[in-house]
């Protein structure tokens, strides 16, 4: 049961290996000035292996994946929770937009739904990348803009960050240990219906 039952929560899980790769590229785009002001956070990883290891049990940012999936999986049947999978959302297009609108009780006509779809497209986001130059509220100093300008959208082929076989084996073992429920483990990796 959630503390605020009248609040609607939309939360998303991503395939863990993909999430680790995304995390690796995401933290690499943070400005050095931001890291200095925030005590070297987020960490600058020397490799995808280091980033994945940090997300596994015992790692500094472990809570970003395994406990997150557990917490929301336990609440997936709550009427005010919409637990989604990144793979389904990306492939879903208009279906995803309708699912979100229905969850929030919003009626969209076709033109409105098409506009939402256009504005959520990678093409639109890339053309308007400056919108994602996030700034911390009330922080006009050099650390206020925490990511390098025009760096939010990944322009690097993610395939260049290939973890070692040993890291992948450790990740898969962590998934089995952390997600003993096969249904949850399978859903966290691939999405689809619960």
N, C-alpha and C. Protein backbone atom coordinates (compact mmCIF):
# COMPACT_ATOMS: atom_id res chain seq x y z
N UNK A 1 0.84 -1.18 0.00
CA UNK A 1 0.00 0.00 0.00
C UNK A 1 0.89 1.24 0.00
N UNK A 2 0.55 2.18 -0.84
CA UNK A 2 1.29 3.42 -0.94
C UNK A 2 0.81 4.44 0.09
N UNK A 3 1.70 5.29 0.53
CA UNK A 3 1.36 6.32 1.52
C UNK A 3 0.31 7.29 0.99
N UNK A 4 0.38 7.60 -0.30
CA UNK A 4 -0.53 8.57 -0.89
C UNK A 4 -1.41 7.88 -1.94
N UNK A 5 -2.51 7.28 -1.53
CA UNK A 5 -3.32 6.51 -2.47
C UNK A 5 -4.03 7.34 -3.54
N UNK A 6 -4.10 8.66 -3.37
CA UNK A 6 -4.75 9.50 -4.37
C UNK A 6 -3.77 10.02 -5.42
N UNK A 7 -2.49 9.77 -5.21
CA UNK A 7 -1.47 10.17 -6.18
C UNK A 7 -1.31 9.04 -7.19
N UNK A 8 -1.23 9.40 -8.47
CA UNK A 8 -1.02 8.37 -9.49
C UNK A 8 0.46 8.29 -9.82
N UNK A 9 0.98 7.07 -9.81
CA UNK A 9 2.40 6.83 -10.04
C UNK A 9 2.59 6.08 -11.36
N UNK A 10 3.40 6.64 -12.22
CA UNK A 10 3.83 5.94 -13.43
C UNK A 10 5.31 5.66 -13.23
N UNK A 11 5.68 4.42 -13.31
CA UNK A 11 7.07 4.05 -13.13
C UNK A 11 7.47 3.05 -14.21
N UNK A 12 8.74 3.05 -14.53
CA UNK A 12 9.19 2.24 -15.65
C UNK A 12 10.43 1.44 -15.28
N UNK A 13 10.46 0.22 -15.75
CA UNK A 13 11.60 -0.67 -15.58
C UNK A 13 12.19 -0.93 -16.96
N UNK A 14 13.48 -1.07 -16.99
CA UNK A 14 14.18 -1.34 -18.25
C UNK A 14 15.00 -2.61 -18.08
N UNK A 15 15.24 -3.31 -19.16
CA UNK A 15 16.14 -4.45 -19.13
C UNK A 15 17.41 -4.02 -18.40
N UNK A 16 17.83 -4.81 -17.43
CA UNK A 16 18.97 -4.42 -16.59
C UNK A 16 20.26 -4.16 -17.34
N UNK A 17 20.55 -4.98 -18.32
CA UNK A 17 21.78 -4.76 -19.10
C UNK A 17 21.68 -3.44 -19.87
N UNK A 18 20.51 -3.18 -20.45
CA UNK A 18 20.31 -1.91 -21.17
C UNK A 18 20.36 -0.73 -20.21
N UNK A 19 19.77 -0.90 -19.03
CA UNK A 19 19.80 0.17 -18.04
C UNK A 19 21.23 0.49 -17.63
N UNK A 20 22.04 -0.55 -17.43
CA UNK A 20 23.44 -0.34 -17.04
C UNK A 20 24.21 0.41 -18.13
N UNK A 21 23.96 0.05 -19.38
CA UNK A 21 24.62 0.73 -20.50
C UNK A 21 24.17 2.20 -20.56
N UNK A 22 22.89 2.43 -20.39
CA UNK A 22 22.36 3.78 -20.40
C UNK A 22 22.96 4.60 -19.25
N UNK A 23 23.04 4.00 -18.07
CA UNK A 23 23.63 4.66 -16.90
C UNK A 23 25.08 5.05 -17.18
N UNK A 24 25.82 4.15 -17.78
CA UNK A 24 27.23 4.40 -18.10
C UNK A 24 27.37 5.64 -18.99
N UNK A 25 26.57 5.73 -20.03
CA UNK A 25 26.64 6.89 -20.93
C UNK A 25 26.08 8.15 -20.26
N UNK A 26 25.01 7.99 -19.48
CA UNK A 26 24.38 9.13 -18.81
C UNK A 26 25.35 9.82 -17.85
N UNK A 27 26.01 9.07 -16.99
CA UNK A 27 26.89 9.70 -16.02
C UNK A 27 28.12 10.30 -16.69
N UNK A 28 28.50 9.74 -17.82
CA UNK A 28 29.66 10.28 -18.55
C UNK A 28 29.39 11.69 -19.07
N UNK A 29 28.13 12.05 -19.23
CA UNK A 29 27.77 13.36 -19.79
C UNK A 29 27.61 14.45 -18.73
N UNK A 30 27.85 14.13 -17.49
CA UNK A 30 27.76 15.14 -16.43
C UNK A 30 28.98 16.06 -16.46
N UNK A 31 28.75 17.31 -16.19
CA UNK A 31 29.83 18.30 -16.19
C UNK A 31 30.75 18.09 -14.99
N UNK A 32 32.03 18.32 -15.20
CA UNK A 32 33.00 18.17 -14.11
C UNK A 32 32.69 19.13 -12.96
N UNK A 33 32.21 20.34 -13.29
CA UNK A 33 31.88 21.32 -12.25
C UNK A 33 30.76 20.79 -11.35
N UNK A 34 29.79 20.11 -11.97
CA UNK A 34 28.70 19.52 -11.19
C UNK A 34 29.24 18.45 -10.25
N UNK A 35 30.08 17.58 -10.79
CA UNK A 35 30.65 16.51 -9.97
C UNK A 35 31.43 17.09 -8.80
N UNK A 36 32.19 18.14 -9.04
CA UNK A 36 32.98 18.75 -7.96
C UNK A 36 32.07 19.27 -6.85
N UNK A 37 30.98 19.92 -7.24
CA UNK A 37 30.06 20.45 -6.23
C UNK A 37 29.30 19.35 -5.49
N UNK A 38 29.17 18.19 -6.11
CA UNK A 38 28.39 17.10 -5.53
C UNK A 38 29.26 15.95 -5.03
N UNK A 39 30.49 16.26 -4.65
CA UNK A 39 31.35 15.25 -4.03
C UNK A 39 31.68 14.09 -4.94
N UNK A 40 31.95 14.39 -6.19
CA UNK A 40 32.33 13.39 -7.21
C UNK A 40 31.18 12.48 -7.62
N UNK A 41 29.95 12.95 -7.43
CA UNK A 41 28.79 12.17 -7.89
C UNK A 41 28.14 12.87 -9.07
N UNK A 42 27.70 12.15 -10.06
CA UNK A 42 27.80 10.70 -10.19
C UNK A 42 29.20 10.29 -10.61
N UNK A 43 29.54 9.05 -10.34
CA UNK A 43 30.90 8.60 -10.62
C UNK A 43 31.20 8.58 -12.12
N UNK A 44 32.45 8.84 -12.44
CA UNK A 44 32.92 8.72 -13.83
C UNK A 44 33.54 7.33 -13.95
N UNK A 45 32.89 6.47 -14.69
CA UNK A 45 33.35 5.09 -14.78
C UNK A 45 34.38 4.93 -15.90
N UNK A 46 35.41 4.15 -15.67
CA UNK A 46 36.40 3.91 -16.72
C UNK A 46 35.91 2.95 -17.80
N UNK A 47 34.84 2.19 -17.48
CA UNK A 47 34.35 1.18 -18.43
C UNK A 47 32.92 0.80 -18.09
N UNK A 48 32.26 0.17 -19.05
CA UNK A 48 30.92 -0.35 -18.82
C UNK A 48 30.94 -1.43 -17.74
N UNK A 49 32.03 -2.18 -17.65
CA UNK A 49 32.15 -3.21 -16.61
C UNK A 49 32.08 -2.58 -15.22
N UNK A 50 32.76 -1.46 -15.05
CA UNK A 50 32.76 -0.77 -13.76
C UNK A 50 31.36 -0.25 -13.43
N UNK A 51 30.67 0.28 -14.43
CA UNK A 51 29.31 0.79 -14.21
C UNK A 51 28.37 -0.35 -13.82
N UNK A 52 28.45 -1.47 -14.53
CA UNK A 52 27.58 -2.61 -14.21
C UNK A 52 27.88 -3.15 -12.82
N UNK A 53 29.15 -3.23 -12.47
CA UNK A 53 29.53 -3.73 -11.15
C UNK A 53 28.98 -2.84 -10.06
N UNK A 54 28.96 -1.53 -10.30
CA UNK A 54 28.46 -0.58 -9.31
C UNK A 54 26.96 -0.70 -9.10
N UNK A 55 26.24 -1.23 -10.10
CA UNK A 55 24.79 -1.43 -9.99
C UNK A 55 24.43 -2.77 -9.35
N UNK A 56 25.41 -3.67 -9.23
CA UNK A 56 25.14 -4.99 -8.67
C UNK A 56 25.18 -4.95 -7.14
N UNK A 57 24.69 -6.01 -6.49
CA UNK A 57 24.73 -6.05 -5.03
C UNK A 57 26.12 -5.70 -4.51
N UNK A 58 26.14 -4.80 -3.53
CA UNK A 58 27.40 -4.34 -2.96
C UNK A 58 27.94 -3.10 -3.64
N UNK A 59 27.38 -2.74 -4.78
CA UNK A 59 27.84 -1.55 -5.50
C UNK A 59 27.27 -0.27 -4.91
N UNK A 60 27.89 0.84 -5.22
CA UNK A 60 27.49 2.14 -4.68
C UNK A 60 26.11 2.59 -5.13
N UNK A 61 25.69 2.17 -6.33
CA UNK A 61 24.39 2.61 -6.86
C UNK A 61 23.45 1.42 -7.07
N UNK A 62 23.67 0.39 -6.27
CA UNK A 62 22.86 -0.83 -6.32
C UNK A 62 21.37 -0.53 -6.29
N UNK A 63 20.95 0.44 -5.47
CA UNK A 63 19.52 0.71 -5.29
C UNK A 63 18.84 1.23 -6.55
N UNK A 64 19.61 1.64 -7.54
CA UNK A 64 19.00 2.17 -8.76
C UNK A 64 18.32 1.11 -9.61
N UNK A 65 18.66 -0.15 -9.42
CA UNK A 65 18.02 -1.16 -10.26
C UNK A 65 17.30 -2.23 -9.45
N UNK A 66 18.02 -3.11 -8.81
CA UNK A 66 17.38 -4.27 -8.19
C UNK A 66 16.33 -3.90 -7.12
N UNK A 67 16.65 -3.07 -6.14
CA UNK A 67 15.61 -2.69 -5.16
C UNK A 67 14.47 -1.90 -5.80
N UNK A 68 14.77 -1.10 -6.81
CA UNK A 68 13.75 -0.32 -7.51
C UNK A 68 12.73 -1.27 -8.16
N UNK A 69 13.22 -2.27 -8.87
CA UNK A 69 12.32 -3.24 -9.52
C UNK A 69 11.48 -3.96 -8.47
N UNK A 70 12.11 -4.41 -7.40
CA UNK A 70 11.37 -5.09 -6.32
C UNK A 70 10.26 -4.21 -5.76
N UNK A 71 10.60 -2.97 -5.45
CA UNK A 71 9.64 -2.06 -4.81
C UNK A 71 8.40 -1.85 -5.67
N UNK A 72 8.60 -1.59 -6.96
CA UNK A 72 7.46 -1.30 -7.82
C UNK A 72 6.72 -2.58 -8.25
N UNK A 73 7.43 -3.68 -8.38
CA UNK A 73 6.76 -4.95 -8.70
C UNK A 73 5.75 -5.29 -7.61
N UNK A 74 6.13 -5.04 -6.36
CA UNK A 74 5.23 -5.33 -5.24
C UNK A 74 3.98 -4.46 -5.26
N UNK A 75 4.02 -3.33 -5.96
CA UNK A 75 2.89 -2.40 -5.99
C UNK A 75 2.15 -2.38 -7.32
N UNK A 76 2.52 -3.27 -8.21
CA UNK A 76 1.99 -3.21 -9.59
C UNK A 76 0.47 -3.37 -9.68
N UNK A 77 -0.16 -3.99 -8.69
CA UNK A 77 -1.61 -4.18 -8.72
C UNK A 77 -2.38 -3.04 -8.07
N UNK A 78 -1.67 -2.10 -7.47
CA UNK A 78 -2.34 -0.96 -6.84
C UNK A 78 -3.04 -0.15 -7.93
N UNK A 79 -4.27 0.32 -7.68
CA UNK A 79 -5.01 1.04 -8.72
C UNK A 79 -4.38 2.37 -9.14
N UNK A 80 -3.53 2.92 -8.30
CA UNK A 80 -2.91 4.20 -8.63
C UNK A 80 -1.46 4.05 -9.10
N UNK A 81 -1.09 2.83 -9.50
CA UNK A 81 0.26 2.56 -10.01
C UNK A 81 0.17 1.99 -11.42
N UNK A 82 0.95 2.58 -12.31
CA UNK A 82 1.10 2.04 -13.66
C UNK A 82 2.56 1.67 -13.83
N UNK A 83 2.84 0.38 -13.72
CA UNK A 83 4.20 -0.12 -13.88
C UNK A 83 4.37 -0.51 -15.35
N UNK A 84 5.32 0.15 -15.99
CA UNK A 84 5.55 -0.07 -17.42
C UNK A 84 6.97 -0.62 -17.64
N UNK A 85 7.15 -1.22 -18.80
CA UNK A 85 8.48 -1.66 -19.20
C UNK A 85 8.93 -0.81 -20.38
N UNK A 86 10.16 -0.37 -20.34
CA UNK A 86 10.72 0.51 -21.36
C UNK A 86 10.55 -0.08 -22.77
N UNK A 87 10.83 -1.35 -22.91
CA UNK A 87 10.72 -2.00 -24.22
C UNK A 87 9.30 -1.90 -24.76
N UNK A 88 8.32 -2.17 -23.90
CA UNK A 88 6.92 -2.08 -24.32
C UNK A 88 6.54 -0.65 -24.67
N UNK A 89 7.00 0.31 -23.87
CA UNK A 89 6.66 1.72 -24.11
C UNK A 89 7.23 2.20 -25.43
N UNK A 90 8.47 1.85 -25.71
CA UNK A 90 9.11 2.29 -26.96
C UNK A 90 8.43 1.67 -28.17
N UNK A 91 8.13 0.39 -28.08
CA UNK A 91 7.49 -0.29 -29.20
C UNK A 91 6.00 0.05 -29.32
N UNK A 92 5.41 0.47 -28.20
CA UNK A 92 3.97 0.66 -28.15
C UNK A 92 3.43 1.83 -28.93
N UNK A 93 4.20 2.91 -29.05
CA UNK A 93 3.74 4.08 -29.79
C UNK A 93 2.38 4.58 -29.33
N UNK A 94 1.40 4.57 -30.23
CA UNK A 94 0.06 5.07 -29.94
C UNK A 94 -0.60 4.30 -28.79
N UNK A 95 -0.31 3.01 -28.69
CA UNK A 95 -0.86 2.20 -27.61
C UNK A 95 -0.36 2.70 -26.25
N UNK A 96 0.91 3.06 -26.19
CA UNK A 96 1.49 3.58 -24.94
C UNK A 96 0.85 4.91 -24.57
N UNK A 97 0.66 5.77 -25.55
CA UNK A 97 0.03 7.07 -25.30
C UNK A 97 -1.39 6.87 -24.78
N UNK A 98 -2.13 5.95 -25.37
CA UNK A 98 -3.50 5.68 -24.92
C UNK A 98 -3.49 5.11 -23.50
N UNK A 99 -2.56 4.20 -23.23
CA UNK A 99 -2.47 3.60 -21.91
C UNK A 99 -2.23 4.68 -20.84
N UNK A 100 -1.33 5.60 -21.12
CA UNK A 100 -1.04 6.68 -20.17
C UNK A 100 -2.24 7.62 -20.02
N UNK A 101 -2.84 7.98 -21.13
CA UNK A 101 -4.01 8.86 -21.08
C UNK A 101 -5.13 8.22 -20.28
N UNK A 102 -5.40 6.95 -20.52
CA UNK A 102 -6.45 6.24 -19.78
C UNK A 102 -6.13 6.21 -18.29
N UNK A 103 -4.88 5.95 -17.95
CA UNK A 103 -4.49 5.88 -16.55
C UNK A 103 -4.74 7.22 -15.85
N UNK A 104 -4.46 8.30 -16.54
CA UNK A 104 -4.66 9.62 -15.95
C UNK A 104 -6.07 10.16 -16.14
N UNK A 105 -6.90 9.44 -16.88
CA UNK A 105 -8.26 9.89 -17.12
C UNK A 105 -8.34 11.06 -18.07
N UNK A 106 -7.43 11.08 -19.03
CA UNK A 106 -7.38 12.16 -20.02
C UNK A 106 -7.90 11.63 -21.35
N UNK A 107 -8.78 12.40 -21.96
CA UNK A 107 -9.30 12.02 -23.28
C UNK A 107 -8.52 12.79 -24.34
N UNK A 108 -7.91 12.07 -25.26
CA UNK A 108 -7.17 12.68 -26.36
C UNK A 108 -7.85 12.35 -27.67
N UNK A 109 -8.07 13.38 -28.51
CA UNK A 109 -8.54 13.07 -29.85
C UNK A 109 -7.33 12.65 -30.69
N UNK A 110 -7.55 12.23 -31.91
CA UNK A 110 -6.47 11.71 -32.74
C UNK A 110 -5.37 12.74 -32.95
N UNK A 111 -5.74 13.99 -33.21
CA UNK A 111 -4.74 15.04 -33.43
C UNK A 111 -3.89 15.26 -32.19
N UNK A 112 -4.52 15.25 -31.03
CA UNK A 112 -3.77 15.44 -29.78
C UNK A 112 -2.83 14.26 -29.52
N UNK A 113 -3.33 13.05 -29.73
CA UNK A 113 -2.49 11.87 -29.55
C UNK A 113 -1.32 11.87 -30.53
N UNK A 114 -1.58 12.30 -31.76
CA UNK A 114 -0.50 12.38 -32.76
C UNK A 114 0.55 13.40 -32.34
N UNK A 115 0.10 14.53 -31.78
CA UNK A 115 1.04 15.56 -31.31
C UNK A 115 1.89 15.02 -30.17
N UNK A 116 1.27 14.32 -29.25
CA UNK A 116 2.04 13.72 -28.15
C UNK A 116 3.08 12.75 -28.72
N UNK A 117 2.67 11.91 -29.65
CA UNK A 117 3.59 10.96 -30.26
C UNK A 117 4.75 11.66 -30.95
N UNK A 118 4.45 12.74 -31.67
CA UNK A 118 5.51 13.50 -32.36
C UNK A 118 6.48 14.10 -31.35
N UNK A 119 5.94 14.70 -30.29
CA UNK A 119 6.80 15.38 -29.31
C UNK A 119 7.61 14.41 -28.46
N UNK A 120 7.20 13.15 -28.43
CA UNK A 120 7.95 12.13 -27.70
C UNK A 120 8.91 11.35 -28.59
N UNK A 121 8.94 11.68 -29.86
CA UNK A 121 9.81 10.95 -30.79
C UNK A 121 11.27 11.35 -30.58
N UNK A 122 12.15 10.43 -30.89
CA UNK A 122 13.58 10.73 -30.78
C UNK A 122 13.96 11.86 -31.72
N UNK A 123 13.32 11.92 -32.87
CA UNK A 123 13.62 12.99 -33.83
C UNK A 123 13.29 14.36 -33.23
N UNK A 124 12.12 14.47 -32.61
CA UNK A 124 11.73 15.75 -32.00
C UNK A 124 12.66 16.09 -30.84
N UNK A 125 12.96 15.10 -30.02
CA UNK A 125 13.84 15.34 -28.89
C UNK A 125 15.23 15.76 -29.35
N UNK A 126 15.74 15.14 -30.39
CA UNK A 126 17.06 15.50 -30.92
C UNK A 126 17.06 16.91 -31.48
N UNK A 127 15.99 17.27 -32.19
CA UNK A 127 15.89 18.62 -32.77
C UNK A 127 15.74 19.70 -31.69
N UNK A 128 15.30 19.31 -30.51
CA UNK A 128 15.08 20.27 -29.41
C UNK A 128 15.91 19.89 -28.19
N UNK A 129 17.10 19.43 -28.43
CA UNK A 129 17.93 18.88 -27.36
C UNK A 129 18.25 19.89 -26.26
N UNK A 130 18.27 21.16 -26.59
CA UNK A 130 18.56 22.19 -25.59
C UNK A 130 17.56 22.15 -24.42
N UNK A 131 16.37 21.63 -24.67
CA UNK A 131 15.36 21.53 -23.62
C UNK A 131 15.83 20.60 -22.50
N UNK A 132 16.72 19.68 -22.83
CA UNK A 132 17.20 18.70 -21.87
C UNK A 132 18.49 19.12 -21.18
N UNK A 133 18.92 20.37 -21.38
CA UNK A 133 20.08 20.88 -20.65
C UNK A 133 19.62 21.26 -19.25
N UNK A 134 19.35 20.24 -18.47
CA UNK A 134 18.73 20.42 -17.16
C UNK A 134 19.58 21.29 -16.24
N UNK A 135 18.87 22.11 -15.48
CA UNK A 135 19.50 22.97 -14.49
C UNK A 135 18.86 22.67 -13.13
N UNK A 136 19.66 22.74 -12.11
CA UNK A 136 19.13 22.58 -10.76
C UNK A 136 18.43 23.86 -10.35
N UNK A 137 17.26 23.76 -9.77
CA UNK A 137 16.54 24.97 -9.34
C UNK A 137 17.36 25.74 -8.30
N UNK A 138 17.29 27.04 -8.40
CA UNK A 138 17.92 27.93 -7.42
C UNK A 138 19.43 27.77 -7.33
N UNK A 139 20.06 27.29 -8.40
CA UNK A 139 21.51 27.12 -8.39
C UNK A 139 22.09 27.77 -9.64
N UNK A 140 22.35 29.06 -9.60
CA UNK A 140 22.86 29.74 -10.78
C UNK A 140 24.37 29.52 -11.00
N UNK A 141 25.03 28.86 -10.07
CA UNK A 141 26.47 28.66 -10.17
C UNK A 141 26.86 27.69 -11.27
N UNK A 142 28.16 27.43 -11.39
CA UNK A 142 28.65 26.57 -12.49
C UNK A 142 28.12 25.14 -12.41
N UNK A 143 27.74 24.70 -11.24
CA UNK A 143 27.20 23.34 -11.11
C UNK A 143 25.72 23.26 -11.36
N UNK A 144 25.06 24.40 -11.65
CA UNK A 144 23.62 24.42 -11.85
C UNK A 144 23.17 23.62 -13.05
N UNK A 145 23.93 23.70 -14.14
CA UNK A 145 23.64 22.86 -15.30
C UNK A 145 24.44 21.59 -15.10
N UNK A 146 23.75 20.48 -14.87
CA UNK A 146 24.52 19.32 -14.47
C UNK A 146 25.03 18.45 -15.60
N UNK A 147 24.46 18.57 -16.80
CA UNK A 147 24.97 17.78 -17.92
C UNK A 147 25.59 18.71 -18.96
N UNK A 148 26.51 18.16 -19.71
CA UNK A 148 27.13 18.92 -20.80
C UNK A 148 26.04 19.32 -21.78
N UNK A 149 26.14 20.50 -22.35
CA UNK A 149 25.13 21.00 -23.27
C UNK A 149 24.92 20.05 -24.44
N UNK A 150 23.66 19.89 -24.81
CA UNK A 150 23.27 19.07 -25.96
C UNK A 150 23.86 17.66 -25.90
N UNK A 151 23.84 17.07 -24.70
CA UNK A 151 24.41 15.73 -24.57
C UNK A 151 23.40 14.70 -24.05
N UNK A 152 22.18 15.12 -23.75
CA UNK A 152 21.22 14.20 -23.15
C UNK A 152 20.85 13.06 -24.10
N UNK A 153 20.65 13.38 -25.36
CA UNK A 153 20.32 12.34 -26.34
C UNK A 153 21.60 11.62 -26.74
N UNK A 154 21.58 10.31 -26.61
CA UNK A 154 22.77 9.52 -26.91
C UNK A 154 23.08 9.55 -28.40
N UNK A 155 24.28 10.01 -28.73
CA UNK A 155 24.71 10.05 -30.13
C UNK A 155 25.77 8.99 -30.40
N UNK A 156 26.08 8.22 -29.39
CA UNK A 156 27.10 7.19 -29.50
C UNK A 156 26.41 5.85 -29.72
N UNK A 157 26.99 5.03 -30.58
CA UNK A 157 26.45 3.69 -30.78
C UNK A 157 26.62 2.90 -29.48
N UNK A 158 25.51 2.54 -28.82
CA UNK A 158 25.63 1.83 -27.54
C UNK A 158 26.41 0.53 -27.64
N UNK A 159 26.51 -0.01 -28.84
CA UNK A 159 27.23 -1.27 -29.02
C UNK A 159 28.72 -1.14 -28.70
N UNK A 160 29.23 0.10 -28.65
CA UNK A 160 30.66 0.25 -28.33
C UNK A 160 30.94 -0.07 -26.87
N UNK A 161 29.91 -0.05 -26.03
CA UNK A 161 30.08 -0.37 -24.61
C UNK A 161 29.66 -1.81 -24.39
N UNK A 162 30.56 -2.72 -24.65
CA UNK A 162 30.27 -4.14 -24.50
C UNK A 162 30.94 -4.66 -23.23
N UNK A 163 30.14 -5.10 -22.26
CA UNK A 163 30.73 -5.65 -21.04
C UNK A 163 31.46 -6.95 -21.34
N UNK A 164 32.39 -7.27 -20.47
CA UNK A 164 33.13 -8.53 -20.61
C UNK A 164 32.21 -9.70 -20.32
N UNK A 165 32.62 -10.87 -20.76
CA UNK A 165 31.85 -12.08 -20.50
C UNK A 165 31.72 -12.31 -18.99
N UNK A 166 32.78 -12.01 -18.24
CA UNK A 166 32.74 -12.21 -16.78
C UNK A 166 31.72 -11.27 -16.13
N UNK A 167 31.64 -10.04 -16.61
CA UNK A 167 30.67 -9.09 -16.05
C UNK A 167 29.25 -9.52 -16.39
N UNK A 168 29.02 -9.96 -17.62
CA UNK A 168 27.70 -10.43 -18.00
C UNK A 168 27.29 -11.66 -17.18
N UNK A 169 28.23 -12.53 -16.94
CA UNK A 169 27.94 -13.72 -16.12
C UNK A 169 27.58 -13.30 -14.69
N UNK A 170 28.33 -12.34 -14.15
CA UNK A 170 28.04 -11.85 -12.79
C UNK A 170 26.68 -11.16 -12.76
N UNK A 171 26.37 -10.40 -13.81
CA UNK A 171 25.07 -9.72 -13.86
C UNK A 171 23.93 -10.73 -13.88
N UNK A 172 24.05 -11.73 -14.74
CA UNK A 172 23.00 -12.74 -14.84
C UNK A 172 22.83 -13.49 -13.53
N UNK A 173 23.93 -13.77 -12.84
CA UNK A 173 23.85 -14.44 -11.53
C UNK A 173 23.16 -13.53 -10.51
N UNK A 174 23.45 -12.23 -10.59
CA UNK A 174 22.79 -11.28 -9.68
C UNK A 174 21.30 -11.24 -9.96
N UNK A 175 20.91 -11.30 -11.21
CA UNK A 175 19.48 -11.29 -11.56
C UNK A 175 18.77 -12.51 -10.97
N UNK A 176 19.40 -13.66 -11.05
CA UNK A 176 18.79 -14.87 -10.50
C UNK A 176 18.69 -14.76 -8.98
N UNK A 177 19.76 -14.27 -8.35
CA UNK A 177 19.76 -14.15 -6.88
C UNK A 177 18.79 -13.08 -6.40
N UNK A 178 18.76 -11.94 -7.09
CA UNK A 178 17.93 -10.81 -6.66
C UNK A 178 16.46 -10.98 -7.03
N UNK A 179 16.22 -11.68 -8.13
CA UNK A 179 14.84 -11.88 -8.60
C UNK A 179 14.52 -13.37 -8.62
N UNK A 180 14.34 -14.00 -7.45
CA UNK A 180 14.06 -15.43 -7.44
C UNK A 180 12.72 -15.79 -8.09
N UNK A 181 11.80 -14.80 -8.13
CA UNK A 181 10.51 -15.00 -8.80
C UNK A 181 10.76 -14.97 -10.31
N UNK A 182 10.65 -16.11 -10.95
CA UNK A 182 10.95 -16.22 -12.38
C UNK A 182 10.09 -15.28 -13.21
N UNK A 183 8.83 -15.11 -12.81
CA UNK A 183 7.93 -14.23 -13.55
C UNK A 183 8.44 -12.79 -13.51
N UNK A 184 8.85 -12.34 -12.33
CA UNK A 184 9.38 -10.99 -12.19
C UNK A 184 10.69 -10.84 -12.96
N UNK A 185 11.56 -11.81 -12.84
CA UNK A 185 12.86 -11.76 -13.52
C UNK A 185 12.68 -11.71 -15.03
N UNK A 186 11.77 -12.51 -15.54
CA UNK A 186 11.52 -12.54 -16.99
C UNK A 186 10.93 -11.21 -17.45
N UNK A 187 9.97 -10.69 -16.68
CA UNK A 187 9.35 -9.42 -17.04
C UNK A 187 10.37 -8.28 -16.99
N UNK A 188 11.21 -8.26 -15.95
CA UNK A 188 12.23 -7.20 -15.83
C UNK A 188 13.18 -7.22 -17.02
N UNK A 189 13.46 -8.38 -17.54
CA UNK A 189 14.38 -8.49 -18.67
C UNK A 189 13.73 -8.19 -20.01
N UNK A 190 12.45 -8.56 -20.17
CA UNK A 190 11.84 -8.49 -21.50
C UNK A 190 10.55 -7.68 -21.61
N UNK A 191 9.89 -7.41 -20.49
CA UNK A 191 8.60 -6.71 -20.56
C UNK A 191 7.49 -7.66 -20.92
N UNK A 192 6.41 -7.11 -21.49
CA UNK A 192 5.24 -7.90 -21.82
C UNK A 192 4.25 -7.89 -20.68
N UNK A 193 3.20 -8.69 -20.79
CA UNK A 193 2.20 -8.73 -19.70
C UNK A 193 2.79 -9.34 -18.43
N UNK A 194 2.21 -8.98 -17.28
CA UNK A 194 2.69 -9.51 -16.00
C UNK A 194 2.37 -10.98 -15.91
